[in-house]
Amino acid sequence: MSTTRAIAAVILAAPLTAAAAAHDYRFDTVHTQITASASHLGFSQPGGRLHVKSGWFRFDEDDWSGAQVDVTIDTASIDFGDAAWNDKLRSREFLDVAHYPSARFVSTRVEKTGEKTGIAHGKLTLLGTTRPLDLAITLHRVGVHAYTLKWTAGFSATATLKRSDFRMTKYLPDVGDEVGIRIEAEGLRDKDAQAGAAPAEPSANPEKPTEH
């Protein structure tokens, strides 16, 4: 057995009570992926990917009541697999990344609904507009990573939003209003996670953001 795996085995064998407390995690931006999809004239439901710019969450596997999430998404990273369509999505007709380079989700509370499931109630700010958004969460695992030897937490999440709620109305109804969101996320335990997370960039658009 290699030295690294031997150390990992010792850590994994340690009493799990040591991990039973709320800890801050920073998002692993390599292993955190966001996909968004919408109807294309009813023929298909194509999807594209977005990158997480930065963010953190607080979580205790035994007590979800104090959980928090704060994540900033790089809207310019949208990728539907076609350069021309990507440019269209980044334009003023859709994400307007020149004026709104980031979107941000901040939870207001997290509700546990099952042994491994919950809902992160929060607010999404996109295109200068803030709206309520609920993420349906499934916890996969909290434990020591066998290679990095760092405490890691992994989740999946889904949500649905209407793009028209964020003033994104181009090509409705041919391009669907309802956008499905799917998230695969990993976080690395980091006591400085909140300090290291960059806030959403201020809008260059003079219009005042709206909140609902």
N, C-alpha and C. Protein backbone atom coordinates (compact mmCIF):
# COMPACT_ATOMS: atom_id res chain seq x y z
N MET A 1 0.86 -1.20 0.00
CA MET A 1 0.00 0.00 0.00
C MET A 1 0.89 1.24 0.00
N SER A 2 0.56 2.21 -0.86
CA SER A 2 1.35 3.43 -0.93
C SER A 2 1.18 4.24 0.35
N THR A 3 2.16 5.14 0.59
CA THR A 3 2.09 5.98 1.78
C THR A 3 0.83 6.84 1.78
N THR A 4 0.48 7.41 0.60
CA THR A 4 -0.70 8.26 0.51
C THR A 4 -1.96 7.51 0.86
N ARG A 5 -2.08 6.28 0.33
CA ARG A 5 -3.28 5.50 0.60
C ARG A 5 -3.31 5.03 2.05
N ALA A 6 -2.15 4.78 2.63
CA ALA A 6 -2.11 4.38 4.03
C ALA A 6 -2.60 5.51 4.93
N ILE A 7 -2.15 6.74 4.63
CA ILE A 7 -2.59 7.91 5.41
C ILE A 7 -4.10 8.09 5.26
N ALA A 8 -4.57 7.96 3.99
CA ALA A 8 -6.00 8.11 3.75
C ALA A 8 -6.80 7.08 4.53
N ALA A 9 -6.30 5.84 4.59
CA ALA A 9 -7.01 4.79 5.31
C ALA A 9 -7.12 5.11 6.79
N VAL A 10 -6.05 5.69 7.36
CA VAL A 10 -6.07 6.06 8.78
C VAL A 10 -7.09 7.16 9.02
N ILE A 11 -7.10 8.16 8.14
CA ILE A 11 -8.04 9.27 8.29
C ILE A 11 -9.47 8.79 8.14
N LEU A 12 -9.70 7.94 7.16
CA LEU A 12 -11.05 7.45 6.93
C LEU A 12 -11.54 6.58 8.06
N ALA A 13 -10.61 5.96 8.79
CA ALA A 13 -10.99 5.09 9.90
C ALA A 13 -11.22 5.87 11.18
N ALA A 14 -10.91 7.15 11.21
CA ALA A 14 -11.07 7.97 12.41
C ALA A 14 -12.55 8.11 12.74
N PRO A 15 -12.89 8.37 14.00
CA PRO A 15 -14.29 8.52 14.40
C PRO A 15 -14.97 9.63 13.61
N LEU A 16 -16.14 9.31 13.08
CA LEU A 16 -16.86 10.29 12.27
C LEU A 16 -17.42 11.42 13.10
N THR A 17 -17.46 11.27 14.40
CA THR A 17 -17.97 12.35 15.24
C THR A 17 -17.14 13.60 15.12
N ALA A 18 -15.89 13.44 14.72
CA ALA A 18 -15.02 14.61 14.57
C ALA A 18 -15.49 15.50 13.43
N ALA A 19 -16.26 14.91 12.48
CA ALA A 19 -16.71 15.69 11.33
C ALA A 19 -18.11 16.26 11.53
N ALA A 20 -18.75 15.89 12.62
CA ALA A 20 -20.14 16.27 12.83
C ALA A 20 -20.25 17.69 13.38
N ALA A 21 -20.06 18.66 12.54
CA ALA A 21 -20.18 20.07 12.89
C ALA A 21 -20.28 20.85 11.60
N ALA A 22 -20.78 22.07 11.70
CA ALA A 22 -20.90 22.91 10.51
C ALA A 22 -19.53 23.42 10.11
N HIS A 23 -19.20 23.25 8.84
CA HIS A 23 -17.91 23.71 8.31
C HIS A 23 -18.15 24.47 7.01
N ASP A 24 -17.25 25.37 6.69
CA ASP A 24 -17.30 26.08 5.43
C ASP A 24 -16.52 25.30 4.37
N TYR A 25 -17.06 25.31 3.17
CA TYR A 25 -16.44 24.66 2.02
C TYR A 25 -16.38 25.67 0.88
N ARG A 26 -15.29 25.66 0.14
CA ARG A 26 -15.24 26.47 -1.08
C ARG A 26 -15.51 25.55 -2.27
N PHE A 27 -16.23 26.08 -3.24
CA PHE A 27 -16.56 25.27 -4.40
C PHE A 27 -15.30 24.88 -5.18
N ASP A 28 -15.21 23.60 -5.49
CA ASP A 28 -14.18 23.10 -6.39
C ASP A 28 -14.67 23.41 -7.80
N THR A 29 -14.10 24.42 -8.43
CA THR A 29 -14.62 24.90 -9.71
C THR A 29 -14.34 23.93 -10.86
N VAL A 30 -13.45 22.97 -10.65
CA VAL A 30 -13.20 21.96 -11.68
C VAL A 30 -14.31 20.92 -11.67
N HIS A 31 -14.72 20.52 -10.48
CA HIS A 31 -15.70 19.44 -10.35
C HIS A 31 -17.11 19.96 -10.05
N THR A 32 -17.32 21.25 -10.20
CA THR A 32 -18.64 21.83 -10.08
C THR A 32 -19.08 22.29 -11.47
N GLN A 33 -20.21 21.77 -11.92
CA GLN A 33 -20.69 22.05 -13.27
C GLN A 33 -22.16 22.45 -13.23
N ILE A 34 -22.51 23.43 -14.05
CA ILE A 34 -23.90 23.87 -14.17
C ILE A 34 -24.33 23.72 -15.63
N THR A 35 -25.49 23.10 -15.83
CA THR A 35 -26.05 23.02 -17.17
C THR A 35 -27.42 23.67 -17.18
N ALA A 36 -27.75 24.32 -18.29
CA ALA A 36 -29.04 24.98 -18.46
C ALA A 36 -29.63 24.54 -19.78
N SER A 37 -30.93 24.26 -19.80
CA SER A 37 -31.57 23.79 -21.02
C SER A 37 -32.94 24.43 -21.18
N ALA A 38 -33.36 24.57 -22.43
CA ALA A 38 -34.67 25.15 -22.74
C ALA A 38 -35.19 24.55 -24.05
N SER A 39 -36.48 24.62 -24.23
CA SER A 39 -37.10 24.06 -25.43
C SER A 39 -36.70 24.84 -26.68
N HIS A 40 -36.45 24.09 -27.76
CA HIS A 40 -36.16 24.69 -29.06
C HIS A 40 -37.31 24.35 -30.00
N LEU A 41 -38.31 25.25 -30.07
CA LEU A 41 -39.50 25.08 -30.89
C LEU A 41 -40.23 23.77 -30.61
N GLY A 42 -40.02 23.21 -29.43
CA GLY A 42 -40.67 21.97 -29.07
C GLY A 42 -40.03 20.73 -29.64
N PHE A 43 -38.97 20.91 -30.46
CA PHE A 43 -38.33 19.76 -31.08
C PHE A 43 -37.34 19.06 -30.15
N SER A 44 -36.66 19.85 -29.34
CA SER A 44 -35.62 19.29 -28.47
C SER A 44 -35.44 20.20 -27.27
N GLN A 45 -34.60 19.75 -26.35
CA GLN A 45 -34.32 20.50 -25.12
C GLN A 45 -32.80 20.63 -24.99
N PRO A 46 -32.17 21.40 -25.90
CA PRO A 46 -30.71 21.49 -25.87
C PRO A 46 -30.21 22.20 -24.61
N GLY A 47 -29.00 21.84 -24.22
CA GLY A 47 -28.43 22.42 -23.01
C GLY A 47 -27.01 22.90 -23.21
N GLY A 48 -26.58 23.77 -22.31
CA GLY A 48 -25.21 24.28 -22.34
C GLY A 48 -24.67 24.38 -20.94
N ARG A 49 -23.37 24.60 -20.84
CA ARG A 49 -22.69 24.63 -19.55
C ARG A 49 -22.30 26.04 -19.15
N LEU A 50 -22.26 26.25 -17.85
CA LEU A 50 -21.77 27.49 -17.25
C LEU A 50 -20.77 27.14 -16.17
N HIS A 51 -19.78 28.03 -15.98
CA HIS A 51 -18.75 27.80 -14.97
C HIS A 51 -19.05 28.60 -13.70
N VAL A 52 -18.72 28.00 -12.58
CA VAL A 52 -18.76 28.71 -11.30
C VAL A 52 -17.49 29.54 -11.19
N LYS A 53 -17.67 30.83 -10.93
CA LYS A 53 -16.52 31.72 -10.77
C LYS A 53 -15.91 31.56 -9.38
N SER A 54 -16.75 31.55 -8.37
CA SER A 54 -16.30 31.37 -6.99
C SER A 54 -17.52 31.14 -6.12
N GLY A 55 -17.27 30.75 -4.88
CA GLY A 55 -18.38 30.58 -3.96
C GLY A 55 -18.04 29.66 -2.81
N TRP A 56 -18.96 29.57 -1.88
CA TRP A 56 -18.75 28.77 -0.69
C TRP A 56 -20.10 28.27 -0.18
N PHE A 57 -20.04 27.25 0.65
CA PHE A 57 -21.24 26.82 1.37
C PHE A 57 -20.85 26.33 2.75
N ARG A 58 -21.79 26.43 3.66
CA ARG A 58 -21.61 25.92 5.03
C ARG A 58 -22.55 24.74 5.20
N PHE A 59 -22.01 23.65 5.78
CA PHE A 59 -22.83 22.45 5.86
C PHE A 59 -22.40 21.56 7.01
N ASP A 60 -23.42 21.00 7.66
CA ASP A 60 -23.24 19.98 8.70
C ASP A 60 -24.15 18.82 8.31
N GLU A 61 -23.59 17.69 8.03
CA GLU A 61 -24.37 16.55 7.56
C GLU A 61 -25.46 16.14 8.54
N ASP A 62 -25.24 16.40 9.83
CA ASP A 62 -26.21 16.00 10.86
C ASP A 62 -27.24 17.08 11.18
N ASP A 63 -27.03 18.29 10.69
CA ASP A 63 -27.95 19.39 11.00
C ASP A 63 -27.94 20.37 9.84
N TRP A 64 -28.93 20.26 8.98
CA TRP A 64 -28.98 21.09 7.77
C TRP A 64 -29.54 22.48 8.06
N SER A 65 -30.04 22.72 9.25
CA SER A 65 -30.75 23.97 9.53
C SER A 65 -29.86 25.20 9.41
N GLY A 66 -28.56 25.05 9.62
CA GLY A 66 -27.65 26.19 9.53
C GLY A 66 -26.90 26.27 8.22
N ALA A 67 -27.30 25.45 7.24
CA ALA A 67 -26.60 25.43 5.96
C ALA A 67 -26.78 26.74 5.20
N GLN A 68 -25.76 27.13 4.47
CA GLN A 68 -25.79 28.35 3.66
C GLN A 68 -25.07 28.09 2.34
N VAL A 69 -25.47 28.84 1.31
CA VAL A 69 -24.83 28.76 0.00
C VAL A 69 -24.70 30.17 -0.57
N ASP A 70 -23.54 30.45 -1.16
CA ASP A 70 -23.33 31.73 -1.85
C ASP A 70 -22.40 31.43 -3.02
N VAL A 71 -22.91 31.55 -4.23
CA VAL A 71 -22.13 31.17 -5.41
C VAL A 71 -22.28 32.19 -6.51
N THR A 72 -21.19 32.49 -7.18
CA THR A 72 -21.16 33.43 -8.30
C THR A 72 -20.85 32.67 -9.58
N ILE A 73 -21.67 32.90 -10.61
CA ILE A 73 -21.55 32.18 -11.88
C ILE A 73 -21.03 33.13 -12.95
N ASP A 74 -20.12 32.63 -13.76
CA ASP A 74 -19.55 33.40 -14.88
C ASP A 74 -20.48 33.25 -16.07
N THR A 75 -21.32 34.25 -16.34
CA THR A 75 -22.29 34.13 -17.41
C THR A 75 -21.64 34.10 -18.80
N ALA A 76 -20.47 34.71 -18.91
CA ALA A 76 -19.78 34.71 -20.21
C ALA A 76 -19.25 33.33 -20.58
N SER A 77 -19.25 32.41 -19.63
CA SER A 77 -18.73 31.06 -19.89
C SER A 77 -19.75 30.17 -20.57
N ILE A 78 -20.96 30.66 -20.84
CA ILE A 78 -22.01 29.84 -21.44
C ILE A 78 -21.49 29.17 -22.71
N ASP A 79 -21.74 27.87 -22.82
CA ASP A 79 -21.24 27.11 -23.96
C ASP A 79 -22.27 26.07 -24.38
N PHE A 80 -22.90 26.31 -25.53
CA PHE A 80 -23.86 25.37 -26.11
C PHE A 80 -23.25 24.56 -27.24
N GLY A 81 -21.92 24.63 -27.37
CA GLY A 81 -21.24 23.80 -28.36
C GLY A 81 -21.17 24.38 -29.75
N ASP A 82 -21.57 25.65 -29.92
CA ASP A 82 -21.53 26.29 -31.23
C ASP A 82 -21.14 27.74 -31.03
N ALA A 83 -20.09 28.18 -31.71
CA ALA A 83 -19.54 29.52 -31.48
C ALA A 83 -20.55 30.62 -31.78
N ALA A 84 -21.29 30.48 -32.88
CA ALA A 84 -22.26 31.52 -33.26
C ALA A 84 -23.39 31.61 -32.24
N TRP A 85 -23.87 30.46 -31.80
CA TRP A 85 -24.96 30.46 -30.82
C TRP A 85 -24.46 30.96 -29.47
N ASN A 86 -23.23 30.62 -29.13
CA ASN A 86 -22.65 31.14 -27.88
C ASN A 86 -22.60 32.66 -27.90
N ASP A 87 -22.17 33.22 -29.03
CA ASP A 87 -22.12 34.69 -29.15
C ASP A 87 -23.51 35.30 -29.02
N LYS A 88 -24.51 34.63 -29.59
CA LYS A 88 -25.88 35.12 -29.50
C LYS A 88 -26.35 35.13 -28.04
N LEU A 89 -26.03 34.06 -27.31
CA LEU A 89 -26.44 33.97 -25.91
C LEU A 89 -25.73 34.99 -25.03
N ARG A 90 -24.53 35.38 -25.41
CA ARG A 90 -23.78 36.38 -24.63
C ARG A 90 -24.19 37.80 -24.97
N SER A 91 -24.95 37.98 -26.03
CA SER A 91 -25.32 39.32 -26.50
C SER A 91 -26.43 39.92 -25.64
N ARG A 92 -26.80 41.15 -25.95
CA ARG A 92 -27.86 41.86 -25.23
C ARG A 92 -29.21 41.15 -25.37
N GLU A 93 -29.35 40.30 -26.38
CA GLU A 93 -30.62 39.61 -26.57
C GLU A 93 -30.88 38.57 -25.48
N PHE A 94 -29.80 38.11 -24.83
CA PHE A 94 -29.97 37.09 -23.81
C PHE A 94 -29.23 37.48 -22.52
N LEU A 95 -28.01 37.02 -22.32
CA LEU A 95 -27.32 37.21 -21.04
C LEU A 95 -26.63 38.57 -20.90
N ASP A 96 -26.43 39.27 -21.99
CA ASP A 96 -25.85 40.62 -21.96
C ASP A 96 -24.60 40.66 -21.05
N VAL A 97 -23.64 39.81 -21.37
CA VAL A 97 -22.49 39.65 -20.46
C VAL A 97 -21.60 40.89 -20.41
N ALA A 98 -21.69 41.75 -21.40
CA ALA A 98 -20.89 42.98 -21.37
C ALA A 98 -21.29 43.86 -20.20
N HIS A 99 -22.57 43.82 -19.84
CA HIS A 99 -23.07 44.63 -18.72
C HIS A 99 -23.28 43.81 -17.45
N TYR A 100 -23.52 42.51 -17.62
CA TYR A 100 -23.80 41.64 -16.47
C TYR A 100 -22.92 40.39 -16.56
N PRO A 101 -21.65 40.50 -16.22
CA PRO A 101 -20.72 39.37 -16.40
C PRO A 101 -20.91 38.24 -15.39
N SER A 102 -21.74 38.46 -14.37
CA SER A 102 -21.94 37.45 -13.34
C SER A 102 -23.40 37.32 -12.96
N ALA A 103 -23.73 36.14 -12.48
CA ALA A 103 -25.01 35.91 -11.80
C ALA A 103 -24.66 35.37 -10.42
N ARG A 104 -25.59 35.52 -9.48
CA ARG A 104 -25.27 35.11 -8.11
C ARG A 104 -26.49 34.51 -7.43
N PHE A 105 -26.28 33.38 -6.77
CA PHE A 105 -27.32 32.75 -5.95
C PHE A 105 -26.88 32.78 -4.50
N VAL A 106 -27.77 33.27 -3.63
CA VAL A 106 -27.51 33.31 -2.20
C VAL A 106 -28.71 32.68 -1.49
N SER A 107 -28.45 31.69 -0.67
CA SER A 107 -29.55 31.03 0.04
C SER A 107 -30.04 31.89 1.19
N THR A 108 -31.32 31.73 1.50
CA THR A 108 -31.90 32.38 2.68
C THR A 108 -32.15 31.36 3.79
N ARG A 109 -32.42 30.11 3.41
CA ARG A 109 -32.54 29.02 4.37
C ARG A 109 -32.47 27.70 3.61
N VAL A 110 -32.11 26.64 4.33
CA VAL A 110 -32.05 25.31 3.73
C VAL A 110 -32.96 24.39 4.54
N GLU A 111 -33.82 23.71 3.84
CA GLU A 111 -34.82 22.84 4.45
C GLU A 111 -34.49 21.38 4.12
N LYS A 112 -34.35 20.55 5.13
CA LYS A 112 -34.11 19.13 4.91
C LYS A 112 -35.44 18.43 4.67
N THR A 113 -35.51 17.64 3.57
CA THR A 113 -36.77 16.98 3.22
C THR A 113 -36.69 15.47 3.29
N GLY A 114 -35.50 14.92 3.43
CA GLY A 114 -35.30 13.48 3.49
C GLY A 114 -33.91 13.19 4.02
N GLU A 115 -33.55 11.92 4.08
CA GLU A 115 -32.25 11.56 4.64
C GLU A 115 -31.10 12.22 3.89
N LYS A 116 -31.23 12.30 2.58
CA LYS A 116 -30.16 12.86 1.75
C LYS A 116 -30.66 13.98 0.84
N THR A 117 -31.83 14.52 1.11
CA THR A 117 -32.41 15.52 0.23
C THR A 117 -32.82 16.77 0.99
N GLY A 118 -32.89 17.87 0.28
CA GLY A 118 -33.32 19.12 0.88
C GLY A 118 -33.60 20.16 -0.18
N ILE A 119 -34.02 21.33 0.27
CA ILE A 119 -34.28 22.46 -0.63
C ILE A 119 -33.53 23.68 -0.11
N ALA A 120 -32.71 24.26 -0.97
CA ALA A 120 -32.05 25.52 -0.65
C ALA A 120 -32.92 26.64 -1.19
N HIS A 121 -33.64 27.31 -0.30
CA HIS A 121 -34.44 28.46 -0.69
C HIS A 121 -33.52 29.68 -0.76
N GLY A 122 -33.62 30.44 -1.82
CA GLY A 122 -32.73 31.59 -1.93
C GLY A 122 -33.14 32.56 -3.00
N LYS A 123 -32.21 33.39 -3.40
CA LYS A 123 -32.47 34.42 -4.41
C LYS A 123 -31.37 34.38 -5.47
N LEU A 124 -31.81 34.44 -6.72
CA LEU A 124 -30.89 34.49 -7.85
C LEU A 124 -30.92 35.89 -8.43
N THR A 125 -29.74 36.48 -8.59
CA THR A 125 -29.61 37.77 -9.26
C THR A 125 -29.01 37.54 -10.64
N LEU A 126 -29.77 37.91 -11.66
CA LEU A 126 -29.38 37.70 -13.05
C LEU A 126 -29.88 38.89 -13.86
N LEU A 127 -29.02 39.45 -14.69
CA LEU A 127 -29.38 40.62 -15.49
C LEU A 127 -29.92 41.77 -14.64
N GLY A 128 -29.36 41.93 -13.46
CA GLY A 128 -29.73 43.03 -12.60
C GLY A 128 -31.06 42.85 -11.89
N THR A 129 -31.67 41.69 -12.03
CA THR A 129 -32.96 41.40 -11.40
C THR A 129 -32.79 40.26 -10.40
N THR A 130 -33.36 40.41 -9.23
CA THR A 130 -33.29 39.39 -8.20
C THR A 130 -34.65 38.75 -8.00
N ARG A 131 -34.66 37.42 -8.09
CA ARG A 131 -35.90 36.67 -7.94
C ARG A 131 -35.68 35.47 -7.01
N PRO A 132 -36.74 35.01 -6.34
CA PRO A 132 -36.61 33.80 -5.52
C PRO A 132 -36.31 32.58 -6.41
N LEU A 133 -35.50 31.68 -5.90
CA LEU A 133 -35.20 30.43 -6.60
C LEU A 133 -34.95 29.34 -5.57
N ASP A 134 -35.55 28.19 -5.79
CA ASP A 134 -35.35 27.04 -4.91
C ASP A 134 -34.53 25.98 -5.63
N LEU A 135 -33.50 25.49 -4.97
CA LEU A 135 -32.69 24.40 -5.49
C LEU A 135 -33.05 23.12 -4.76
N ALA A 136 -33.46 22.10 -5.49
CA ALA A 136 -33.72 20.78 -4.90
C ALA A 136 -32.39 20.03 -4.83
N ILE A 137 -31.93 19.72 -3.62
CA ILE A 137 -30.59 19.21 -3.38
C ILE A 137 -30.61 17.73 -3.03
N THR A 138 -29.64 17.00 -3.57
CA THR A 138 -29.38 15.63 -3.14
C THR A 138 -27.93 15.55 -2.68
N LEU A 139 -27.73 15.15 -1.44
CA LEU A 139 -26.39 14.97 -0.90
C LEU A 139 -25.85 13.61 -1.33
N HIS A 140 -24.64 13.61 -1.88
CA HIS A 140 -24.01 12.35 -2.27
C HIS A 140 -23.07 11.82 -1.19
N ARG A 141 -22.16 12.67 -0.76
CA ARG A 141 -21.16 12.17 0.19
C ARG A 141 -20.43 13.31 0.85
N VAL A 142 -20.09 13.12 2.12
CA VAL A 142 -19.16 13.99 2.84
C VAL A 142 -18.08 13.08 3.40
N GLY A 143 -16.83 13.37 3.09
CA GLY A 143 -15.76 12.52 3.59
C GLY A 143 -14.40 12.99 3.11
N VAL A 144 -13.39 12.24 3.46
CA VAL A 144 -12.02 12.57 3.07
C VAL A 144 -11.75 12.05 1.67
N HIS A 145 -11.28 12.94 0.81
CA HIS A 145 -10.92 12.60 -0.56
C HIS A 145 -9.70 11.67 -0.53
N ALA A 146 -9.79 10.57 -1.25
CA ALA A 146 -8.73 9.55 -1.18
C ALA A 146 -7.41 10.01 -1.78
N TYR A 147 -7.44 11.06 -2.60
CA TYR A 147 -6.20 11.51 -3.24
C TYR A 147 -5.69 12.82 -2.64
N THR A 148 -6.59 13.78 -2.43
CA THR A 148 -6.14 15.06 -1.88
C THR A 148 -6.04 15.04 -0.35
N LEU A 149 -6.72 14.05 0.28
CA LEU A 149 -6.78 13.93 1.74
C LEU A 149 -7.49 15.12 2.38
N LYS A 150 -8.33 15.80 1.61
CA LYS A 150 -9.09 16.93 2.13
C LYS A 150 -10.56 16.53 2.30
N TRP A 151 -11.18 17.07 3.35
CA TRP A 151 -12.61 16.84 3.53
C TRP A 151 -13.36 17.46 2.37
N THR A 152 -14.24 16.68 1.78
CA THR A 152 -14.96 17.09 0.58
C THR A 152 -16.45 16.75 0.74
N ALA A 153 -17.30 17.61 0.22
CA ALA A 153 -18.73 17.36 0.21
C ALA A 153 -19.23 17.47 -1.22
N GLY A 154 -20.12 16.55 -1.62
CA GLY A 154 -20.62 16.54 -2.99
C GLY A 154 -22.13 16.46 -3.06
N PHE A 155 -22.71 17.24 -3.97
CA PHE A 155 -24.16 17.34 -4.10
C PHE A 155 -24.55 17.36 -5.58
N SER A 156 -25.82 17.05 -5.82
CA SER A 156 -26.50 17.40 -7.07
C SER A 156 -27.64 18.34 -6.72
N ALA A 157 -28.03 19.17 -7.67
CA ALA A 157 -29.17 20.07 -7.44
C ALA A 157 -29.87 20.36 -8.75
N THR A 158 -31.17 20.61 -8.67
CA THR A 158 -31.95 20.97 -9.84
C THR A 158 -32.84 22.16 -9.50
N ALA A 159 -33.19 22.92 -10.53
CA ALA A 159 -34.10 24.06 -10.35
C ALA A 159 -34.73 24.38 -11.69
N THR A 160 -35.79 25.15 -11.65
CA THR A 160 -36.44 25.64 -12.86
C THR A 160 -36.74 27.12 -12.69
N LEU A 161 -36.44 27.89 -13.73
CA LEU A 161 -36.75 29.32 -13.69
C LEU A 161 -37.37 29.73 -15.02
N LYS A 162 -38.03 30.88 -15.00
CA LYS A 162 -38.54 31.48 -16.23
C LYS A 162 -37.63 32.64 -16.61
N ARG A 163 -37.08 32.56 -17.81
CA ARG A 163 -36.15 33.62 -18.21
C ARG A 163 -36.84 34.96 -18.35
N SER A 164 -38.12 34.95 -18.65
CA SER A 164 -38.85 36.21 -18.76
C SER A 164 -38.91 36.95 -17.42
N ASP A 165 -38.78 36.22 -16.30
CA ASP A 165 -38.74 36.87 -14.99
C ASP A 165 -37.51 37.75 -14.83
N PHE A 166 -36.50 37.51 -15.68
CA PHE A 166 -35.25 38.27 -15.62
C PHE A 166 -35.09 39.17 -16.86
N ARG A 167 -36.23 39.51 -17.45
CA ARG A 167 -36.26 40.43 -18.60
C ARG A 167 -35.58 39.85 -19.83
N MET A 168 -35.53 38.53 -19.93
CA MET A 168 -34.92 37.87 -21.08
C MET A 168 -36.05 37.27 -21.92
N THR A 169 -36.53 38.02 -22.89
CA THR A 169 -37.75 37.64 -23.61
C THR A 169 -37.54 37.38 -25.10
N LYS A 170 -36.33 37.50 -25.59
CA LYS A 170 -36.08 37.32 -27.02
C LYS A 170 -36.48 35.92 -27.48
N TYR A 171 -37.18 35.86 -28.60
CA TYR A 171 -37.60 34.63 -29.28
C TYR A 171 -38.63 33.81 -28.50
N LEU A 172 -39.28 34.42 -27.51
CA LEU A 172 -40.39 33.72 -26.88
C LEU A 172 -41.57 33.68 -27.85
N PRO A 173 -42.34 32.60 -27.94
CA PRO A 173 -42.18 31.35 -27.18
C PRO A 173 -41.39 30.28 -27.92
N ASP A 174 -40.80 30.63 -29.08
CA ASP A 174 -40.10 29.61 -29.87
C ASP A 174 -38.94 29.00 -29.09
N VAL A 175 -38.15 29.86 -28.47
CA VAL A 175 -37.16 29.38 -27.50
C VAL A 175 -37.83 29.46 -26.14
N GLY A 176 -37.92 28.34 -25.46
CA GLY A 176 -38.75 28.22 -24.27
C GLY A 176 -38.46 29.24 -23.18
N ASP A 177 -39.51 29.58 -22.47
CA ASP A 177 -39.39 30.49 -21.32
C ASP A 177 -38.83 29.73 -20.11
N GLU A 178 -39.25 28.50 -19.95
CA GLU A 178 -38.83 27.70 -18.80
C GLU A 178 -37.43 27.13 -19.04
N VAL A 179 -36.52 27.42 -18.12
CA VAL A 179 -35.14 26.96 -18.21
C VAL A 179 -34.87 25.97 -17.08
N GLY A 180 -34.45 24.78 -17.47
CA GLY A 180 -34.09 23.78 -16.47
C GLY A 180 -32.62 23.90 -16.09
N ILE A 181 -32.34 23.86 -14.81
CA ILE A 181 -30.98 23.98 -14.30
C ILE A 181 -30.59 22.68 -13.60
N ARG A 182 -29.42 22.18 -13.89
CA ARG A 182 -28.88 21.02 -13.18
C ARG A 182 -27.46 21.35 -12.73
N ILE A 183 -27.15 21.01 -11.50
CA ILE A 183 -25.85 21.34 -10.90
C ILE A 183 -25.23 20.09 -10.30
N GLU A 184 -23.97 19.88 -10.59
CA GLU A 184 -23.15 18.88 -9.90
C GLU A 184 -22.06 19.65 -9.19
N ALA A 185 -21.98 19.51 -7.87
CA ALA A 185 -21.09 20.38 -7.09
C ALA A 185 -20.24 19.59 -6.10
N GLU A 186 -19.01 20.04 -5.96
CA GLU A 186 -18.12 19.55 -4.91
C GLU A 186 -17.51 20.75 -4.20
N GLY A 187 -17.33 20.61 -2.90
CA GLY A 187 -16.69 21.65 -2.12
C GLY A 187 -15.59 21.08 -1.26
N LEU A 188 -14.54 21.86 -1.08
CA LEU A 188 -13.40 21.47 -0.25
C LEU A 188 -13.45 22.26 1.05
N ARG A 189 -13.35 21.56 2.17
CA ARG A 189 -13.42 22.25 3.45
C ARG A 189 -12.31 23.28 3.55
N ASP A 190 -12.70 24.51 3.92
CA ASP A 190 -11.76 25.62 3.94
C ASP A 190 -12.30 26.68 4.89
N LYS A 191 -11.62 26.90 6.00
CA LYS A 191 -12.09 27.87 6.99
C LYS A 191 -12.08 29.29 6.44
N ASP A 192 -11.33 29.52 5.37
CA ASP A 192 -11.28 30.85 4.76
C ASP A 192 -12.11 30.93 3.49
N ALA A 193 -13.03 30.00 3.32
CA ALA A 193 -13.81 29.94 2.08
C ALA A 193 -14.58 31.22 1.80
N GLN A 194 -15.17 31.80 2.84
CA GLN A 194 -15.97 33.01 2.63
C GLN A 194 -15.07 34.18 2.23
N ALA A 195 -13.93 34.30 2.86
CA ALA A 195 -13.01 35.40 2.54
C ALA A 195 -12.46 35.27 1.13
N GLY A 196 -12.31 34.03 0.67
CA GLY A 196 -11.72 33.81 -0.65
C GLY A 196 -12.70 33.92 -1.79
N ALA A 197 -13.99 34.00 -1.50
CA ALA A 197 -15.00 34.06 -2.56
C ALA A 197 -15.16 35.49 -3.05
N ALA A 198 -15.08 35.64 -4.36
CA ALA A 198 -15.24 36.98 -4.95
C ALA A 198 -16.70 37.33 -5.03
N PRO A 199 -17.09 38.57 -4.65
CA PRO A 199 -18.48 38.98 -4.80
C PRO A 199 -18.84 39.16 -6.26
N ALA A 200 -20.12 39.12 -6.55
CA ALA A 200 -20.56 39.35 -7.92
C ALA A 200 -20.11 40.73 -8.38
N GLU A 201 -19.68 40.81 -9.64
CA GLU A 201 -19.20 42.08 -10.16
C GLU A 201 -20.35 43.05 -10.31
N PRO A 202 -20.14 44.34 -10.01
CA PRO A 202 -21.21 45.32 -10.18
C PRO A 202 -21.58 45.47 -11.63
N SER A 203 -22.83 45.76 -11.87
CA SER A 203 -23.31 45.93 -13.24
C SER A 203 -22.78 47.23 -13.83
N ALA A 204 -22.45 47.19 -15.13
CA ALA A 204 -22.06 48.40 -15.84
C ALA A 204 -23.27 49.10 -16.43
N ASN A 205 -24.44 48.50 -16.25
CA ASN A 205 -25.67 49.07 -16.80
C ASN A 205 -26.24 50.08 -15.82
N PRO A 206 -26.61 51.26 -16.25
CA PRO A 206 -27.11 52.27 -15.32
C PRO A 206 -28.48 51.95 -14.75
N GLU A 207 -29.20 50.97 -15.33
CA GLU A 207 -30.50 50.63 -14.80
C GLU A 207 -30.36 50.07 -13.40
N LYS A 208 -31.25 50.48 -12.52
CA LYS A 208 -31.21 49.99 -11.14
C LYS A 208 -31.73 48.57 -11.08
N PRO A 209 -30.98 47.63 -10.44
CA PRO A 209 -31.46 46.26 -10.32
C PRO A 209 -32.78 46.23 -9.56
N THR A 210 -33.61 45.26 -9.91
CA THR A 210 -34.90 45.12 -9.24
C THR A 210 -34.93 43.84 -8.45
N GLU A 211 -35.67 43.86 -7.34
CA GLU A 211 -35.80 42.70 -6.49
C GLU A 211 -37.26 42.41 -6.26
N HIS A 212 -37.59 41.11 -6.32
CA HIS A 212 -38.99 40.70 -6.15
C HIS A 212 -39.05 39.61 -5.10
